[in-house]
């Protein structure tokens, strides 16, 4: 696939290259990692920021591309790049989805047939939040309740969080008066699925 796209180099180091000695220096991005997935995965984004900083330094990239599905990760990496004056541009790519709307993920392969059917409720819930927002609803609690109602149709779905946050600070908001992010993490059996959409009257980098 890389060759067909015109790439002439693939850099795919194993752990012994990236971590030849026990890691003592870490990159920590504060505040942006406190909410959403950060509440349930302590230390996760410290690891993400550190390994990305390693890649950026080793490769010397001009641009790095991240998917909108991992919105919190994108926000964390973008802030790291800005605060540490790293010489590259972070580009957010729209979430790639299956024909029925489910966000593509390597985790989807672990879903049973029935779990896979119910997993579609994630994108359906986000689509409903976007419909209500476009119709003029700005109360975050109403949008969250609408999303949770749709998720409740899936007996196998266990929401970890369903939130609407400011796209810059990732802090919860009550009224949407500028660009916001509707985001969720849902357990489907043993599989943890995440998805989100941007609530903005302008077109954002999502695919709902």
Protein backbone atom coordinates (compact mmCIF):
# COMPACT_ATOMS: atom_id res chain seq x y z
CA UNK A 1 0.00 0.00 0.00
CA UNK A 2 2.82 2.38 0.83
CA UNK A 3 4.59 1.58 -2.43
CA UNK A 4 1.39 2.20 -4.40
CA UNK A 5 1.06 5.56 -2.65
CA UNK A 6 4.58 6.53 -3.74
CA UNK A 7 6.43 6.03 -0.45
CA UNK A 8 10.09 5.07 -0.76
CA UNK A 9 10.85 4.50 2.94
CA UNK A 10 9.05 2.74 5.79
CA UNK A 11 10.34 3.30 9.31
CA UNK A 12 8.99 0.54 11.58
CA UNK A 13 11.31 0.13 14.57
CA UNK A 14 10.77 -2.48 17.27
CA UNK A 15 10.89 -1.79 21.00
CA UNK A 16 14.62 -2.40 21.22
CA UNK A 17 15.24 0.55 18.89
CA UNK A 18 12.86 2.99 20.56
CA UNK A 19 13.58 1.90 24.12
CA UNK A 20 17.18 0.59 24.23
CA UNK A 21 17.37 1.51 27.94
CA UNK A 22 14.68 1.98 30.60
CA UNK A 23 12.78 5.19 29.86
CA UNK A 24 13.57 7.95 32.36
CA UNK A 25 12.42 11.02 30.41
CA UNK A 26 8.75 11.47 29.55
CA UNK A 27 6.61 14.08 27.80
CA UNK A 28 3.57 15.11 29.83
CA UNK A 29 0.84 17.36 28.45
CA UNK A 30 -1.21 18.77 31.31
CA UNK A 31 -4.96 19.53 31.49
CA UNK A 32 -5.81 18.08 28.05
CA UNK A 33 -5.26 14.59 29.43
CA UNK A 34 -7.49 14.95 32.50
CA UNK A 35 -10.89 14.41 30.85
CA UNK A 36 -12.48 11.93 28.41
CA UNK A 37 -10.26 8.86 27.90
CA UNK A 38 -7.64 10.31 30.22
CA UNK A 39 -9.92 9.73 33.21
CA UNK A 40 -10.03 6.01 32.50
CA UNK A 41 -6.54 5.42 31.12
CA UNK A 42 -4.04 7.08 33.50
CA UNK A 43 -0.59 7.43 31.98
CA UNK A 44 -1.78 6.53 28.48
CA UNK A 45 -1.26 9.94 26.92
CA UNK A 46 2.13 10.36 28.57
CA UNK A 47 3.19 7.30 26.61
CA UNK A 48 1.56 8.57 23.41
CA UNK A 49 3.21 11.99 23.66
CA UNK A 50 6.60 10.49 24.44
CA UNK A 51 6.66 7.98 21.59
CA UNK A 52 5.38 10.60 19.13
CA UNK A 53 8.11 13.00 20.23
CA UNK A 54 10.62 10.21 19.61
CA UNK A 55 9.26 9.58 16.11
CA UNK A 56 9.19 13.28 15.24
CA UNK A 57 12.80 13.70 16.36
CA UNK A 58 14.07 10.57 14.60
CA UNK A 59 12.22 10.98 11.32
CA UNK A 60 12.37 14.77 11.00
CA UNK A 61 8.91 14.88 9.46
CA UNK A 62 7.41 18.05 8.02
CA UNK A 63 3.86 16.82 8.57
CA UNK A 64 2.19 14.14 10.70
CA UNK A 65 -1.31 12.84 10.05
CA UNK A 66 -3.72 11.73 12.77
CA UNK A 67 -7.30 10.52 12.53
CA UNK A 68 -10.20 12.51 13.97
CA UNK A 69 -11.48 9.35 15.69
CA UNK A 70 -8.67 9.81 18.24
CA UNK A 71 -9.63 13.43 18.89
CA UNK A 72 -8.06 13.66 22.34
CA UNK A 73 -4.82 12.22 21.06
CA UNK A 74 -4.77 14.80 18.26
CA UNK A 75 -5.33 17.63 20.74
CA UNK A 76 -2.56 16.36 23.01
CA UNK A 77 -0.03 15.95 20.19
CA UNK A 78 -0.89 19.30 18.64
CA UNK A 79 -0.37 21.04 21.98
CA UNK A 80 2.92 19.21 22.53
CA UNK A 81 4.15 20.31 19.11
CA UNK A 82 3.10 23.91 19.79
CA UNK A 83 4.47 24.18 23.33
CA UNK A 84 7.78 22.50 22.51
CA UNK A 85 8.22 24.38 19.21
CA UNK A 86 8.61 21.20 17.21
CA UNK A 87 9.08 22.03 13.50
CA UNK A 88 6.22 20.10 11.94
CA UNK A 89 2.54 20.46 11.12
CA UNK A 90 -0.14 18.21 12.62
CA UNK A 91 -2.91 17.37 10.15
CA UNK A 92 -6.26 15.95 11.27
CA UNK A 93 -7.82 13.46 8.84
CA UNK A 94 -11.54 12.61 8.77
CA UNK A 95 -12.58 9.41 10.51
CA UNK A 96 -12.79 6.54 8.02
CA UNK A 97 -16.03 4.61 8.44
CA UNK A 98 -17.59 1.36 7.34
CA UNK A 99 -20.61 1.67 4.99
CA UNK A 100 -22.98 1.43 7.98
CA UNK A 101 -21.19 4.24 9.84
CA UNK A 102 -19.03 2.34 12.31
CA UNK A 103 -15.64 3.99 12.67
CA UNK A 104 -12.91 1.75 11.31
CA UNK A 105 -10.63 0.32 13.98
CA UNK A 106 -8.44 -2.72 14.48
CA UNK A 107 -10.58 -3.39 17.56
CA UNK A 108 -13.64 -4.09 15.42
CA UNK A 109 -12.29 -7.55 14.59
CA UNK A 110 -12.90 -8.61 18.19
CA UNK A 111 -16.65 -7.93 17.99
CA UNK A 112 -19.08 -10.83 17.63
CA UNK A 113 -21.74 -10.59 14.94
CA UNK A 114 -24.30 -9.24 17.42
CA UNK A 115 -21.81 -6.87 19.03
CA UNK A 116 -20.87 -5.60 15.58
CA UNK A 117 -24.54 -4.93 14.81
CA UNK A 118 -25.04 -2.98 18.02
CA UNK A 119 -21.78 -1.04 17.65
CA UNK A 120 -23.43 0.99 14.89
CA UNK A 121 -25.40 2.80 17.60
CA UNK A 122 -22.28 4.84 18.37
CA UNK A 123 -22.29 6.62 15.04
CA UNK A 124 -26.10 6.81 15.11
CA UNK A 125 -25.94 8.60 18.46
CA UNK A 126 -23.35 11.06 17.19
CA UNK A 127 -25.38 11.67 14.06
CA UNK A 128 -28.40 12.50 16.23
CA UNK A 129 -26.36 14.99 18.26
CA UNK A 130 -25.28 16.66 15.06
CA UNK A 131 -28.88 16.76 13.76
CA UNK A 132 -30.13 18.41 16.95
CA UNK A 133 -27.22 20.87 16.95
CA UNK A 134 -27.85 21.82 13.33
CA UNK A 135 -31.52 22.34 14.18
CA UNK A 136 -30.50 24.90 16.80
CA UNK A 137 -30.12 22.96 20.05
CA UNK A 138 -27.23 24.33 22.11
CA UNK A 139 -27.88 22.71 25.50
CA UNK A 140 -25.17 20.07 25.93
CA UNK A 141 -27.19 18.07 28.46
CA UNK A 142 -30.01 17.61 25.95
CA UNK A 143 -27.63 16.39 23.27
CA UNK A 144 -25.96 14.01 25.71
CA UNK A 145 -29.32 12.62 26.79
CA UNK A 146 -30.27 12.05 23.15
CA UNK A 147 -27.04 10.18 22.50
CA UNK A 148 -27.44 8.04 25.59
CA UNK A 149 -30.99 7.17 24.59
CA UNK A 150 -29.78 5.77 21.28
CA UNK A 151 -26.93 3.88 22.92
CA UNK A 152 -29.42 2.32 25.33
CA UNK A 153 -30.95 0.46 22.37
CA UNK A 154 -27.87 -1.77 22.38
CA UNK A 155 -28.21 -4.22 25.26
CA UNK A 156 -24.54 -5.17 24.90
CA UNK A 157 -23.30 -1.56 25.01
CA UNK A 158 -21.95 -0.10 28.25
CA UNK A 159 -21.05 3.60 27.90
CA UNK A 160 -17.89 4.59 29.71
CA UNK A 161 -18.49 8.25 28.98
CA UNK A 162 -20.69 10.38 26.73
CA UNK A 163 -19.62 14.01 26.82
CA UNK A 164 -19.60 17.31 24.98
CA UNK A 165 -16.43 19.30 25.46
CA UNK A 166 -14.69 22.39 24.17
CA UNK A 167 -12.56 21.40 21.19
CA UNK A 168 -9.56 23.39 22.47
CA UNK A 169 -9.53 22.74 26.22
CA UNK A 170 -11.41 19.40 26.17
CA UNK A 171 -13.30 20.60 29.24
CA UNK A 172 -17.01 19.89 29.66
CA UNK A 173 -19.37 22.65 28.56
CA UNK A 174 -23.02 23.31 29.31
CA UNK A 175 -23.92 25.58 26.40
CA UNK A 176 -22.38 25.30 22.94
CA UNK A 177 -21.41 28.78 21.81
CA UNK A 178 -18.45 27.79 19.65
CA UNK A 179 -16.95 24.65 18.16
CA UNK A 180 -17.50 21.64 20.42
CA UNK A 181 -16.72 17.94 20.40
CA UNK A 182 -19.30 15.24 21.08
CA UNK A 183 -17.29 12.22 22.22
CA UNK A 184 -17.92 8.79 23.67
CA UNK A 185 -16.22 5.62 24.78
CA UNK A 186 -18.39 2.50 24.93
CA UNK A 187 -17.63 -1.03 26.08
CA UNK A 188 -19.05 -3.68 23.80
CA UNK A 189 -18.25 -6.95 25.49
CA UNK A 190 -14.49 -6.86 26.12
CA UNK A 191 -13.92 -4.33 23.35
CA UNK A 192 -13.63 -0.62 24.05
CA UNK A 193 -14.84 1.56 21.17
CA UNK A 194 -14.42 5.32 20.83
CA UNK A 195 -15.97 7.78 18.40
CA UNK A 196 -16.73 11.49 18.16
CA UNK A 197 -17.97 14.26 15.93
CA UNK A 198 -17.42 17.99 15.74
CA UNK A 199 -20.40 20.25 16.45
CA UNK A 200 -19.73 23.33 14.38
CA UNK A 201 -21.84 25.15 11.81
CA UNK A 202 -18.79 25.02 9.58
CA UNK A 203 -17.67 21.71 8.14
CA UNK A 204 -15.33 19.90 10.51
CA UNK A 205 -12.97 17.01 9.77
CA UNK A 206 -15.47 14.23 10.52
CA UNK A 207 -17.44 11.95 8.23
CA UNK A 208 -20.92 11.65 9.74
